[in-house]
């Protein structure tokens, strides 16, 4: 079962498939089953041409597994990951020659 532990949109900068991207959706997703748990960070960059434009494109979606092992969801583990999430997302974005502007959120954080 997949659960979005955290999701929030921010201003961003990048260019993918010849299209400038000015927004990013940052997500921490928990996937569990069969006694195994995996936490994945995903950053999806999108055009964001106006304040109503939250159309997500999947040609600029990048992910990184932050944790994988035996067990189940843990609030303590999730809190620890959320504390380092921005740094991990910055690394993921930099690998794609993009930037996330954490001081410019486009919506409130959603927790699941």
PDB file of N, CA and C in Angstrom:
ATOM      1  N   UNK A   1       0.840  -1.160   0.000  1.00  0.00           N
ATOM      2  CA  UNK A   1       0.000   0.000   0.000  1.00  0.00           C
ATOM      3  C   UNK A   1       0.900   1.243   0.000  1.00  0.00           C
ATOM      4  N   UNK A   2       0.567   2.217  -0.844  1.00  0.00           N
ATOM      5  CA  UNK A   2       1.318   3.463  -0.921  1.00  0.00           C
ATOM      6  C   UNK A   2       0.564   4.574  -0.197  1.00  0.00           C
ATOM      7  N   UNK A   3       1.286   5.350   0.606  1.00  0.00           N
ATOM      8  CA  UNK A   3       0.709   6.479   1.335  1.00  0.00           C
ATOM      9  C   UNK A   3       1.638   7.671   1.189  1.00  0.00           C
ATOM     10  N   UNK A   4       1.077   8.823   0.804  1.00  0.00           N
ATOM     11  CA  UNK A   4       1.861  10.052   0.777  1.00  0.00           C
ATOM     12  C   UNK A   4       2.013  10.541   2.211  1.00  0.00           C
ATOM     13  N   UNK A   5       3.204  10.401   2.769  1.00  0.00           N
ATOM     14  CA  UNK A   5       3.498  10.851   4.120  1.00  0.00           C
ATOM     15  C   UNK A   5       3.533  12.379   4.145  1.00  0.00           C
ATOM     16  N   UNK A   6       4.065  12.968   3.068  1.00  0.00           N
ATOM     17  CA  UNK A   6       4.208  14.419   2.963  1.00  0.00           C
ATOM     18  C   UNK A   6       4.117  14.812   1.507  1.00  0.00           C
ATOM     19  N   UNK A   7       3.471  15.954   1.252  1.00  0.00           N
ATOM     20  CA  UNK A   7       3.403  16.488  -0.103  1.00  0.00           C
ATOM     21  C   UNK A   7       3.244  17.997  -0.006  1.00  0.00           C
ATOM     22  N   UNK A   8       4.047  18.724  -0.789  1.00  0.00           N
ATOM     23  CA  UNK A   8       3.929  20.173  -0.827  1.00  0.00           C
ATOM     24  C   UNK A   8       4.503  20.688  -2.141  1.00  0.00           C
ATOM     25  N   UNK A   9       3.939  21.791  -2.620  1.00  0.00           N
ATOM     26  CA  UNK A   9       4.375  22.425  -3.852  1.00  0.00           C
ATOM     27  C   UNK A   9       5.192  23.671  -3.517  1.00  0.00           C
ATOM     28  N   UNK A  10       6.255  23.899  -4.294  1.00  0.00           N
ATOM     29  CA  UNK A  10       7.135  25.050  -4.112  1.00  0.00           C
ATOM     30  C   UNK A  10       7.468  25.666  -5.464  1.00  0.00           C
ATOM     31  N   UNK A  11       7.889  26.929  -5.434  1.00  0.00           N
ATOM     32  CA  UNK A  11       8.462  27.535  -6.637  1.00  0.00           C
ATOM     33  C   UNK A  11       9.772  26.817  -6.924  1.00  0.00           C
ATOM     34  N   UNK A  12      10.111  26.754  -8.191  1.00  0.00           N
ATOM     35  CA  UNK A  12      11.329  26.052  -8.588  1.00  0.00           C
ATOM     36  C   UNK A  12      11.852  26.652  -9.888  1.00  0.00           C
ATOM     37  N   UNK A  13      12.993  26.152 -10.283  1.00  0.00           N
ATOM     38  CA  UNK A  13      13.603  26.597 -11.528  1.00  0.00           C
ATOM     39  C   UNK A  13      14.257  25.395 -12.191  1.00  0.00           C
ATOM     40  N   UNK A  14      13.972  25.215 -13.467  1.00  0.00           N
ATOM     41  CA  UNK A  14      14.574  24.128 -14.224  1.00  0.00           C
ATOM     42  C   UNK A  14      14.019  24.128 -15.636  1.00  0.00           C
ATOM     43  N   UNK A  15      14.623  23.341 -16.486  1.00  0.00           N
ATOM     44  CA  UNK A  15      14.148  23.221 -17.866  1.00  0.00           C
ATOM     45  C   UNK A  15      14.261  21.745 -18.266  1.00  0.00           C
ATOM     46  N   UNK A  16      13.131  21.175 -18.671  1.00  0.00           N
ATOM     47  CA  UNK A  16      13.085  19.774 -19.061  1.00  0.00           C
ATOM     48  C   UNK A  16      12.292  19.646 -20.349  1.00  0.00           C
ATOM     49  N   UNK A  17      12.778  18.868 -21.270  1.00  0.00           N
ATOM     50  CA  UNK A  17      12.131  18.667 -22.577  1.00  0.00           C
ATOM     51  C   UNK A  17      11.887  20.001 -23.274  1.00  0.00           C
ATOM     52  N   UNK A  18      12.797  20.963 -23.066  1.00  0.00           N
ATOM     53  CA  UNK A  18      12.684  22.255 -23.708  1.00  0.00           C
ATOM     54  C   UNK A  18      11.634  23.181 -23.115  1.00  0.00           C
ATOM     55  N   UNK A  19      11.065  22.807 -21.946  1.00  0.00           N
ATOM     56  CA  UNK A  19      10.022  23.602 -21.309  1.00  0.00           C
ATOM     57  C   UNK A  19      10.518  24.080 -19.946  1.00  0.00           C
ATOM     58  N   UNK A  20      10.438  25.406 -19.702  1.00  0.00           N
ATOM     59  CA  UNK A  20      10.837  25.942 -18.400  1.00  0.00           C
ATOM     60  C   UNK A  20       9.853  25.474 -17.333  1.00  0.00           C
ATOM     61  N   UNK A  21      10.406  25.075 -16.187  1.00  0.00           N
ATOM     62  CA  UNK A  21       9.578  24.636 -15.065  1.00  0.00           C
ATOM     63  C   UNK A  21       9.767  25.634 -13.936  1.00  0.00           C
ATOM     64  N   UNK A  22       8.653  26.078 -13.374  1.00  0.00           N
ATOM     65  CA  UNK A  22       8.689  27.075 -12.310  1.00  0.00           C
ATOM     66  C   UNK A  22       8.060  26.579 -11.019  1.00  0.00           C
ATOM     67  N   UNK A  23       7.679  25.319 -10.987  1.00  0.00           N
ATOM     68  CA  UNK A  23       7.084  24.729  -9.800  1.00  0.00           C
ATOM     69  C   UNK A  23       7.566  23.308  -9.623  1.00  0.00           C
ATOM     70  N   UNK A  24       7.460  22.828  -8.383  1.00  0.00           N
ATOM     71  CA  UNK A  24       7.838  21.453  -8.083  1.00  0.00           C
ATOM     72  C   UNK A  24       6.912  20.897  -7.004  1.00  0.00           C
ATOM     73  N   UNK A  25       6.505  19.658  -7.155  1.00  0.00           N
ATOM     74  CA  UNK A  25       5.777  18.925  -6.123  1.00  0.00           C
ATOM     75  C   UNK A  25       6.801  18.016  -5.448  1.00  0.00           C
ATOM     76  N   UNK A  26       6.952  18.169  -4.139  1.00  0.00           N
ATOM     77  CA  UNK A  26       7.892  17.350  -3.381  1.00  0.00           C
ATOM     78  C   UNK A  26       7.072  16.400  -2.514  1.00  0.00           C
ATOM     79  N   UNK A  27       7.364  15.090  -2.628  1.00  0.00           N
ATOM     80  CA  UNK A  27       6.584  14.085  -1.904  1.00  0.00           C
ATOM     81  C   UNK A  27       7.485  13.070  -1.210  1.00  0.00           C
ATOM     82  N   UNK A  28       7.054  12.641  -0.045  1.00  0.00           N
ATOM     83  CA  UNK A  28       7.656  11.506   0.641  1.00  0.00           C
ATOM     84  C   UNK A  28       6.566  10.447   0.703  1.00  0.00           C
ATOM     85  N   UNK A  29       6.818   9.315   0.059  1.00  0.00           N
ATOM     86  CA  UNK A  29       5.819   8.248  -0.049  1.00  0.00           C
ATOM     87  C   UNK A  29       6.296   7.000   0.671  1.00  0.00           C
ATOM     88  N   UNK A  30       5.376   6.401   1.415  1.00  0.00           N
ATOM     89  CA  UNK A  30       5.631   5.147   2.105  1.00  0.00           C
ATOM     90  C   UNK A  30       4.966   4.024   1.314  1.00  0.00           C
ATOM     91  N   UNK A  31       5.726   2.970   1.023  1.00  0.00           N
ATOM     92  CA  UNK A  31       5.193   1.788   0.337  1.00  0.00           C
ATOM     93  C   UNK A  31       5.456   0.585   1.227  1.00  0.00           C
ATOM     94  N   UNK A  32       4.395  -0.152   1.548  1.00  0.00           N
ATOM     95  CA  UNK A  32       4.585  -1.292   2.444  1.00  0.00           C
ATOM     96  C   UNK A  32       3.808  -2.503   1.962  1.00  0.00           C
ATOM     97  N   UNK A  33       4.294  -3.654   2.367  1.00  0.00           N
ATOM     98  CA  UNK A  33       3.641  -4.909   2.041  1.00  0.00           C
ATOM     99  C   UNK A  33       4.567  -6.070   2.349  1.00  0.00           C
ATOM    100  N   UNK A  34       4.015  -7.133   2.834  1.00  0.00           N
ATOM    101  CA  UNK A  34       4.803  -8.333   3.108  1.00  0.00           C
ATOM    102  C   UNK A  34       5.879  -8.134   4.155  1.00  0.00           C
ATOM    103  N   UNK A  35       5.632  -7.239   5.109  1.00  0.00           N
ATOM    104  CA  UNK A  35       6.610  -7.007   6.167  1.00  0.00           C
ATOM    105  C   UNK A  35       7.775  -6.116   5.764  1.00  0.00           C
ATOM    106  N   UNK A  36       7.686  -5.528   4.568  1.00  0.00           N
ATOM    107  CA  UNK A  36       8.737  -4.634   4.065  1.00  0.00           C
ATOM    108  C   UNK A  36       8.188  -3.208   3.979  1.00  0.00           C
ATOM    109  N   UNK A  37       9.063  -2.230   4.167  1.00  0.00           N
ATOM    110  CA  UNK A  37       8.687  -0.825   4.062  1.00  0.00           C
ATOM    111  C   UNK A  37       9.728  -0.090   3.217  1.00  0.00           C
ATOM    112  N   UNK A  38       9.256   0.842   2.410  1.00  0.00           N
ATOM    113  CA  UNK A  38      10.159   1.666   1.598  1.00  0.00           C
ATOM    114  C   UNK A  38       9.645   3.099   1.646  1.00  0.00           C
ATOM    115  N   UNK A  39      10.556   4.043   1.817  1.00  0.00           N
ATOM    116  CA  UNK A  39      10.239   5.467   1.766  1.00  0.00           C
ATOM    117  C   UNK A  39      10.953   6.056   0.559  1.00  0.00           C
ATOM    118  N   UNK A  40      10.173   6.735  -0.283  1.00  0.00           N
ATOM    119  CA  UNK A  40      10.712   7.308  -1.508  1.00  0.00           C
ATOM    120  C   UNK A  40      10.445   8.805  -1.557  1.00  0.00           C
ATOM    121  N   UNK A  41      11.479   9.564  -1.894  1.00  0.00           N
ATOM    122  CA  UNK A  41      11.366  10.994  -2.141  1.00  0.00           C
ATOM    123  C   UNK A  41      11.147  11.175  -3.638  1.00  0.00           C
ATOM    124  N   UNK A  42      10.152  11.977  -4.009  1.00  0.00           N
ATOM    125  CA  UNK A  42       9.897  12.286  -5.408  1.00  0.00           C
ATOM    126  C   UNK A  42       9.784  13.795  -5.573  1.00  0.00           C
ATOM    127  N   UNK A  43      10.414  14.311  -6.605  1.00  0.00           N
ATOM    128  CA  UNK A  43      10.305  15.719  -6.980  1.00  0.00           C
ATOM    129  C   UNK A  43       9.845  15.757  -8.432  1.00  0.00           C
ATOM    130  N   UNK A  44       8.684  16.373  -8.669  1.00  0.00           N
ATOM    131  CA  UNK A  44       8.120  16.478 -10.007  1.00  0.00           C
ATOM    132  C   UNK A  44       8.031  17.950 -10.389  1.00  0.00           C
ATOM    133  N   UNK A  45       8.811  18.347 -11.371  1.00  0.00           N
ATOM    134  CA  UNK A  45       8.849  19.742 -11.803  1.00  0.00           C
ATOM    135  C   UNK A  45       7.775  19.986 -12.852  1.00  0.00           C
ATOM    136  N   UNK A  46       7.072  21.134 -12.744  1.00  0.00           N
ATOM    137  CA  UNK A  46       5.981  21.446 -13.668  1.00  0.00           C
ATOM    138  C   UNK A  46       6.036  22.918 -14.075  1.00  0.00           C
ATOM    139  N   UNK A  47       5.350  23.284 -15.184  1.00  0.00           N
ATOM    140  CA  UNK A  47       5.483  24.635 -15.735  1.00  0.00           C
ATOM    141  C   UNK A  47       5.060  25.775 -14.806  1.00  0.00           C
ATOM    142  N   UNK A  48       3.940  25.679 -14.137  1.00  0.00           N
ATOM    143  CA  UNK A  48       3.417  26.708 -13.239  1.00  0.00           C
ATOM    144  C   UNK A  48       3.490  28.097 -13.870  1.00  0.00           C
ATOM    145  N   UNK A  49       2.647  28.311 -14.863  1.00  0.00           N
ATOM    146  CA  UNK A  49       2.641  29.575 -15.594  1.00  0.00           C
ATOM    147  C   UNK A  49       1.780  30.648 -14.943  1.00  0.00           C
ATOM    148  N   UNK A  50       0.877  30.251 -14.032  1.00  0.00           N
ATOM    149  CA  UNK A  50       0.068  31.219 -13.281  1.00  0.00           C
ATOM    150  C   UNK A  50      -0.366  30.558 -11.971  1.00  0.00           C
ATOM    151  N   UNK A  51      -0.881  31.329 -11.022  1.00  0.00           N
ATOM    152  CA  UNK A  51      -1.216  30.771  -9.692  1.00  0.00           C
ATOM    153  C   UNK A  51      -2.239  29.636  -9.688  1.00  0.00           C
ATOM    154  N   UNK A  52      -2.943  29.435 -10.782  1.00  0.00           N
ATOM    155  CA  UNK A  52      -3.932  28.362 -10.873  1.00  0.00           C
ATOM    156  C   UNK A  52      -3.379  27.125 -11.589  1.00  0.00           C
ATOM    157  N   UNK A  53      -2.155  27.207 -12.082  1.00  0.00           N
ATOM    158  CA  UNK A  53      -1.569  26.183 -12.946  1.00  0.00           C
ATOM    159  C   UNK A  53      -0.800  25.137 -12.128  1.00  0.00           C
ATOM    160  N   UNK A  54      -1.478  24.069 -11.763  1.00  0.00           N
ATOM    161  CA  UNK A  54      -0.836  22.977 -11.040  1.00  0.00           C
ATOM    162  C   UNK A  54      -0.853  21.700 -11.874  1.00  0.00           C
ATOM    163  N   UNK A  55      -0.817  21.852 -13.211  1.00  0.00           N
ATOM    164  CA  UNK A  55      -0.804  20.668 -14.076  1.00  0.00           C
ATOM    165  C   UNK A  55       0.556  19.972 -13.920  1.00  0.00           C
ATOM    166  N   UNK A  56       0.512  18.750 -13.552  1.00  0.00           N
ATOM    167  CA  UNK A  56       1.728  17.978 -13.316  1.00  0.00           C
ATOM    168  C   UNK A  56       2.102  17.245 -14.595  1.00  0.00           C
ATOM    169  N   UNK A  57       3.369  17.398 -14.970  1.00  0.00           N
ATOM    170  CA  UNK A  57       3.896  16.691 -16.132  1.00  0.00           C
ATOM    171  C   UNK A  57       4.842  15.611 -15.607  1.00  0.00           C
ATOM    172  N   UNK A  58       4.865  14.494 -16.267  1.00  0.00           N
ATOM    173  CA  UNK A  58       5.653  13.379 -15.757  1.00  0.00           C
ATOM    174  C   UNK A  58       6.967  13.175 -16.495  1.00  0.00           C
ATOM    175  N   UNK A  59       7.330  14.115 -17.372  1.00  0.00           N
ATOM    176  CA  UNK A  59       8.619  14.016 -18.047  1.00  0.00           C
ATOM    177  C   UNK A  59       9.741  14.598 -17.192  1.00  0.00           C
ATOM    178  N   UNK A  60       9.391  15.171 -16.044  1.00  0.00           N
ATOM    179  CA  UNK A  60      10.395  15.765 -15.159  1.00  0.00           C
ATOM    180  C   UNK A  60      10.155  15.310 -13.718  1.00  0.00           C
ATOM    181  N   UNK A  61       9.952  14.006 -13.541  1.00  0.00           N
ATOM    182  CA  UNK A  61       9.738  13.409 -12.224  1.00  0.00           C
ATOM    183  C   UNK A  61      10.967  12.582 -11.865  1.00  0.00           C
ATOM    184  N   UNK A  62      11.519  12.862 -10.688  1.00  0.00           N
ATOM    185  CA  UNK A  62      12.740  12.192 -10.255  1.00  0.00           C
ATOM    186  C   UNK A  62      12.530  11.666  -8.846  1.00  0.00           C
ATOM    187  N   UNK A  63      13.042  10.475  -8.568  1.00  0.00           N
ATOM    188  CA  UNK A  63      12.833   9.896  -7.244  1.00  0.00           C
ATOM    189  C   UNK A  63      14.097   9.237  -6.721  1.00  0.00           C
ATOM    190  N   UNK A  64      14.077   9.049  -5.410  1.00  0.00           N
ATOM    191  CA  UNK A  64      15.214   8.458  -4.707  1.00  0.00           C
ATOM    192  C   UNK A  64      14.677   7.699  -3.494  1.00  0.00           C
ATOM    193  N   UNK A  65      15.075   6.446  -3.351  1.00  0.00           N
ATOM    194  CA  UNK A  65      14.672   5.655  -2.190  1.00  0.00           C
ATOM    195  C   UNK A  65      15.524   6.104  -1.000  1.00  0.00           C
ATOM    196  N   UNK A  66      14.851   6.548   0.064  1.00  0.00           N
ATOM    197  CA  UNK A  66      15.551   7.020   1.258  1.00  0.00           C
ATOM    198  C   UNK A  66      15.744   5.923   2.295  1.00  0.00           C
ATOM    199  N   UNK A  67      14.830   4.950   2.295  1.00  0.00           N
ATOM    200  CA  UNK A  67      14.928   3.855   3.259  1.00  0.00           C
ATOM    201  C   UNK A  67      14.183   2.657   2.701  1.00  0.00           C
ATOM    202  N   UNK A  68      14.765   1.473   2.913  1.00  0.00           N
ATOM    203  CA  UNK A  68      14.108   0.238   2.508  1.00  0.00           C
ATOM    204  C   UNK A  68      14.557  -0.857   3.455  1.00  0.00           C
ATOM    205  N   UNK A  69      13.590  -1.585   3.995  1.00  0.00           N
ATOM    206  CA  UNK A  69      13.942  -2.666   4.904  1.00  0.00           C
ATOM    207  C   UNK A  69      12.716  -3.333   5.492  1.00  0.00           C
ATOM    208  N   UNK A  70      12.975  -4.221   6.421  1.00  0.00           N
ATOM    209  CA  UNK A  70      11.882  -4.922   7.104  1.00  0.00           C
ATOM    210  C   UNK A  70      11.231  -3.961   8.094  1.00  0.00           C
ATOM    211  N   UNK A  71       9.936  -4.128   8.287  1.00  0.00           N
ATOM    212  CA  UNK A  71       9.235  -3.311   9.266  1.00  0.00           C
ATOM    213  C   UNK A  71       7.949  -2.733   8.725  1.00  0.00           C
ATOM    214  N   UNK A  72       7.496  -1.724   9.435  1.00  0.00           N
ATOM    215  CA  UNK A  72       6.262  -1.043   9.059  1.00  0.00           C
ATOM    216  C   UNK A  72       6.454   0.449   9.293  1.00  0.00           C
ATOM    217  N   UNK A  73       5.411   1.227   9.004  1.00  0.00           N
ATOM    218  CA  UNK A  73       5.517   2.682   9.168  1.00  0.00           C
ATOM    219  C   UNK A  73       5.874   3.020  10.609  1.00  0.00           C
ATOM    220  N   UNK A  74       6.712   4.026  10.741  1.00  0.00           N
ATOM    221  CA  UNK A  74       7.155   4.477  12.049  1.00  0.00           C
ATOM    222  C   UNK A  74       7.152   6.001  12.066  1.00  0.00           C
ATOM    223  N   UNK A  75       6.410   6.588  12.991  1.00  0.00           N
ATOM    224  CA  UNK A  75       6.366   8.051  13.091  1.00  0.00           C
ATOM    225  C   UNK A  75       7.755   8.615  13.385  1.00  0.00           C
ATOM    226  N   UNK A  76       8.508   7.923  14.200  1.00  0.00           N
ATOM    227  CA  UNK A  76       9.861   8.384  14.535  1.00  0.00           C
ATOM    228  C   UNK A  76      10.741   8.394  13.286  1.00  0.00           C
ATOM    229  N   UNK A  77      10.703   7.338  12.489  1.00  0.00           N
ATOM    230  CA  UNK A  77      11.481   7.260  11.257  1.00  0.00           C
ATOM    231  C   UNK A  77      11.022   8.325  10.271  1.00  0.00           C
ATOM    232  N   UNK A  78       9.701   8.502  10.152  1.00  0.00           N
ATOM    233  CA  UNK A  78       9.168   9.497   9.227  1.00  0.00           C
ATOM    234  C   UNK A  78       9.577  10.907   9.647  1.00  0.00           C
ATOM    235  N   UNK A  79       9.553  11.208  10.936  1.00  0.00           N
ATOM    236  CA  UNK A  79       9.968  12.518  11.416  1.00  0.00           C
ATOM    237  C   UNK A  79      11.440  12.766  11.091  1.00  0.00           C
ATOM    238  N   UNK A  80      12.256  11.751  11.272  1.00  0.00           N
ATOM    239  CA  UNK A  80      13.675  11.866  10.952  1.00  0.00           C
ATOM    240  C   UNK A  80      13.878  12.136   9.466  1.00  0.00           C
ATOM    241  N   UNK A  81      13.124  11.460   8.610  1.00  0.00           N
ATOM    242  CA  UNK A  81      13.239  11.668   7.169  1.00  0.00           C
ATOM    243  C   UNK A  81      12.758  13.050   6.767  1.00  0.00           C
ATOM    244  N   UNK A  82      11.688  13.523   7.394  1.00  0.00           N
ATOM    245  CA  UNK A  82      11.179  14.856   7.085  1.00  0.00           C
ATOM    246  C   UNK A  82      12.192  15.931   7.457  1.00  0.00           C
ATOM    247  N   UNK A  83      12.981  15.689   8.500  1.00  0.00           N
ATOM    248  CA  UNK A  83      13.997  16.657   8.911  1.00  0.00           C
ATOM    249  C   UNK A  83      15.132  16.771   7.890  1.00  0.00           C
ATOM    250  N   UNK A  84      15.392  15.716   7.150  1.00  0.00           N
ATOM    251  CA  UNK A  84      16.471  15.737   6.151  1.00  0.00           C
ATOM    252  C   UNK A  84      15.946  15.805   4.715  1.00  0.00           C
ATOM    253  N   UNK A  85      14.629  15.857   4.560  1.00  0.00           N
ATOM    254  CA  UNK A  85      14.008  15.799   3.239  1.00  0.00           C
ATOM    255  C   UNK A  85      14.465  16.926   2.321  1.00  0.00           C
ATOM    256  N   UNK A  86      14.516  18.141   2.817  1.00  0.00           N
ATOM    257  CA  UNK A  86      14.901  19.274   1.966  1.00  0.00           C
ATOM    258  C   UNK A  86      16.326  19.107   1.435  1.00  0.00           C
ATOM    259  N   UNK A  87      17.224  18.682   2.275  1.00  0.00           N
ATOM    260  CA  UNK A  87      18.599  18.462   1.827  1.00  0.00           C
ATOM    261  C   UNK A  87      18.675  17.385   0.762  1.00  0.00           C
ATOM    262  N   UNK A  88      17.934  16.297   0.967  1.00  0.00           N
ATOM    263  CA  UNK A  88      17.904  15.212  -0.019  1.00  0.00           C
ATOM    264  C   UNK A  88      17.271  15.686  -1.326  1.00  0.00           C
ATOM    265  N   UNK A  89      16.197  16.488  -1.223  1.00  0.00           N
ATOM    266  CA  UNK A  89      15.531  17.003  -2.426  1.00  0.00           C
ATOM    267  C   UNK A  89      16.437  17.986  -3.169  1.00  0.00           C
ATOM    268  N   UNK A  90      17.211  18.775  -2.431  1.00  0.00           N
ATOM    269  CA  UNK A  90      18.156  19.694  -3.070  1.00  0.00           C
ATOM    270  C   UNK A  90      19.200  18.930  -3.885  1.00  0.00           C
ATOM    271  N   UNK A  91      19.686  17.829  -3.338  1.00  0.00           N
ATOM    272  CA  UNK A  91      20.658  16.989  -4.053  1.00  0.00           C
ATOM    273  C   UNK A  91      20.022  16.415  -5.322  1.00  0.00           C
ATOM    274  N   UNK A  92      18.803  15.897  -5.182  1.00  0.00           N
ATOM    275  CA  UNK A  92      18.078  15.325  -6.322  1.00  0.00           C
ATOM    276  C   UNK A  92      17.862  16.387  -7.406  1.00  0.00           C
ATOM    277  N   UNK A  93      17.466  17.595  -7.007  1.00  0.00           N
ATOM    278  CA  UNK A  93      17.237  18.680  -7.968  1.00  0.00           C
ATOM    279  C   UNK A  93      18.546  19.094  -8.635  1.00  0.00           C
ATOM    280  N   UNK A  94      19.605  19.248  -7.845  1.00  0.00           N
ATOM    281  CA  UNK A  94      20.905  19.670  -8.391  1.00  0.00           C
ATOM    282  C   UNK A  94      21.418  18.670  -9.426  1.00  0.00           C
ATOM    283  N   UNK A  95      21.163  17.387  -9.215  1.00  0.00           N
ATOM    284  CA  UNK A  95      21.570  16.366 -10.192  1.00  0.00           C
ATOM    285  C   UNK A  95      20.884  16.585 -11.536  1.00  0.00           C
ATOM    286  N   UNK A  96      19.731  17.258 -11.515  1.00  0.00           N
ATOM    287  CA  UNK A  96      18.971  17.525 -12.746  1.00  0.00           C
ATOM    288  C   UNK A  96      19.137  18.977 -13.204  1.00  0.00           C
ATOM    289  N   UNK A  97      20.081  19.687 -12.598  1.00  0.00           N
ATOM    290  CA  UNK A  97      20.336  21.094 -12.927  1.00  0.00           C
ATOM    291  C   UNK A  97      19.104  21.957 -12.663  1.00  0.00           C
ATOM    292  N   UNK A  98      18.432  21.689 -11.549  1.00  0.00           N
ATOM    293  CA  UNK A  98      17.233  22.428 -11.153  1.00  0.00           C
ATOM    294  C   UNK A  98      17.412  22.937  -9.720  1.00  0.00           C
ATOM    295  N   UNK A  99      16.493  23.801  -9.302  1.00  0.00           N
ATOM    296  CA  UNK A  99      16.573  24.379  -7.963  1.00  0.00           C
ATOM    297  C   UNK A  99      15.173  24.492  -7.384  1.00  0.00           C
ATOM    298  N   UNK A 100      15.058  24.214  -6.083  1.00  0.00           N
ATOM    299  CA  UNK A 100      13.802  24.337  -5.353  1.00  0.00           C
ATOM    300  C   UNK A 100      13.916  25.540  -4.431  1.00  0.00           C
ATOM    301  N   UNK A 101      12.900  26.407  -4.451  1.00  0.00           N
ATOM    302  CA  UNK A 101      12.878  27.583  -3.589  1.00  0.00           C
ATOM    303  C   UNK A 101      11.991  27.287  -2.376  1.00  0.00           C
ATOM    304  N   UNK A 102      12.611  26.786  -1.313  1.00  0.00           N
ATOM    305  CA  UNK A 102      11.888  26.366  -0.113  1.00  0.00           C
ATOM    306  C   UNK A 102      11.177  27.522   0.578  1.00  0.00           C
ATOM    307  N   UNK A 103      11.677  28.739   0.383  1.00  0.00           N
ATOM    308  CA  UNK A 103      11.076  29.908   1.021  1.00  0.00           C
ATOM    309  C   UNK A 103       9.876  30.448   0.237  1.00  0.00           C
ATOM    310  N   UNK A 104       9.490  29.745  -0.845  1.00  0.00           N
ATOM    311  CA  UNK A 104       8.359  30.168  -1.669  1.00  0.00           C
ATOM    312  C   UNK A 104       7.383  29.013  -1.877  1.00  0.00           C
ATOM    313  N   UNK A 105       6.695  28.586  -0.812  1.00  0.00           N
ATOM    314  CA  UNK A 105       5.721  27.498  -0.981  1.00  0.00           C
ATOM    315  C   UNK A 105       4.524  27.971  -1.790  1.00  0.00           C
ATOM    316  N   UNK A 106       3.950  27.066  -2.577  1.00  0.00           N
ATOM    317  CA  UNK A 106       2.772  27.374  -3.383  1.00  0.00           C
ATOM    318  C   UNK A 106       1.496  26.892  -2.728  1.00  0.00           C
ATOM    319  N   UNK A 107       1.617  26.082  -1.683  1.00  0.00           N
ATOM    320  CA  UNK A 107       0.454  25.620  -0.918  1.00  0.00           C
ATOM    321  C   UNK A 107       0.927  25.194   0.472  1.00  0.00           C
ATOM    322  N   UNK A 108      -0.001  24.809   1.302  1.00  0.00           N
ATOM    323  CA  UNK A 108       0.324  24.292   2.636  1.00  0.00           C
ATOM    324  C   UNK A 108       0.760  22.830   2.525  1.00  0.00           C
ATOM    325  N   UNK A 109       1.602  22.417   3.421  1.00  0.00           N
ATOM    326  CA  UNK A 109       2.046  21.015   3.453  1.00  0.00           C
ATOM    327  C   UNK A 109       0.861  20.106   3.758  1.00  0.00           C
ATOM    328  N   UNK A 110       0.855  18.943   3.124  1.00  0.00           N
ATOM    329  CA  UNK A 110      -0.161  17.924   3.364  1.00  0.00           C
ATOM    330  C   UNK A 110       0.524  16.702   3.948  1.00  0.00           C
ATOM    331  N   UNK A 111      -0.018  16.183   5.037  1.00  0.00           N
ATOM    332  CA  UNK A 111       0.550  15.010   5.691  1.00  0.00           C
ATOM    333  C   UNK A 111      -0.474  13.893   5.698  1.00  0.00           C
ATOM    334  N   UNK A 112       0.003  12.654   5.452  1.00  0.00           N
ATOM    335  CA  UNK A 112      -0.922  11.529   5.393  1.00  0.00           C
ATOM    336  C   UNK A 112      -0.607  10.454   6.364  1.00  0.00           C
TER     337      UNK A 112
END
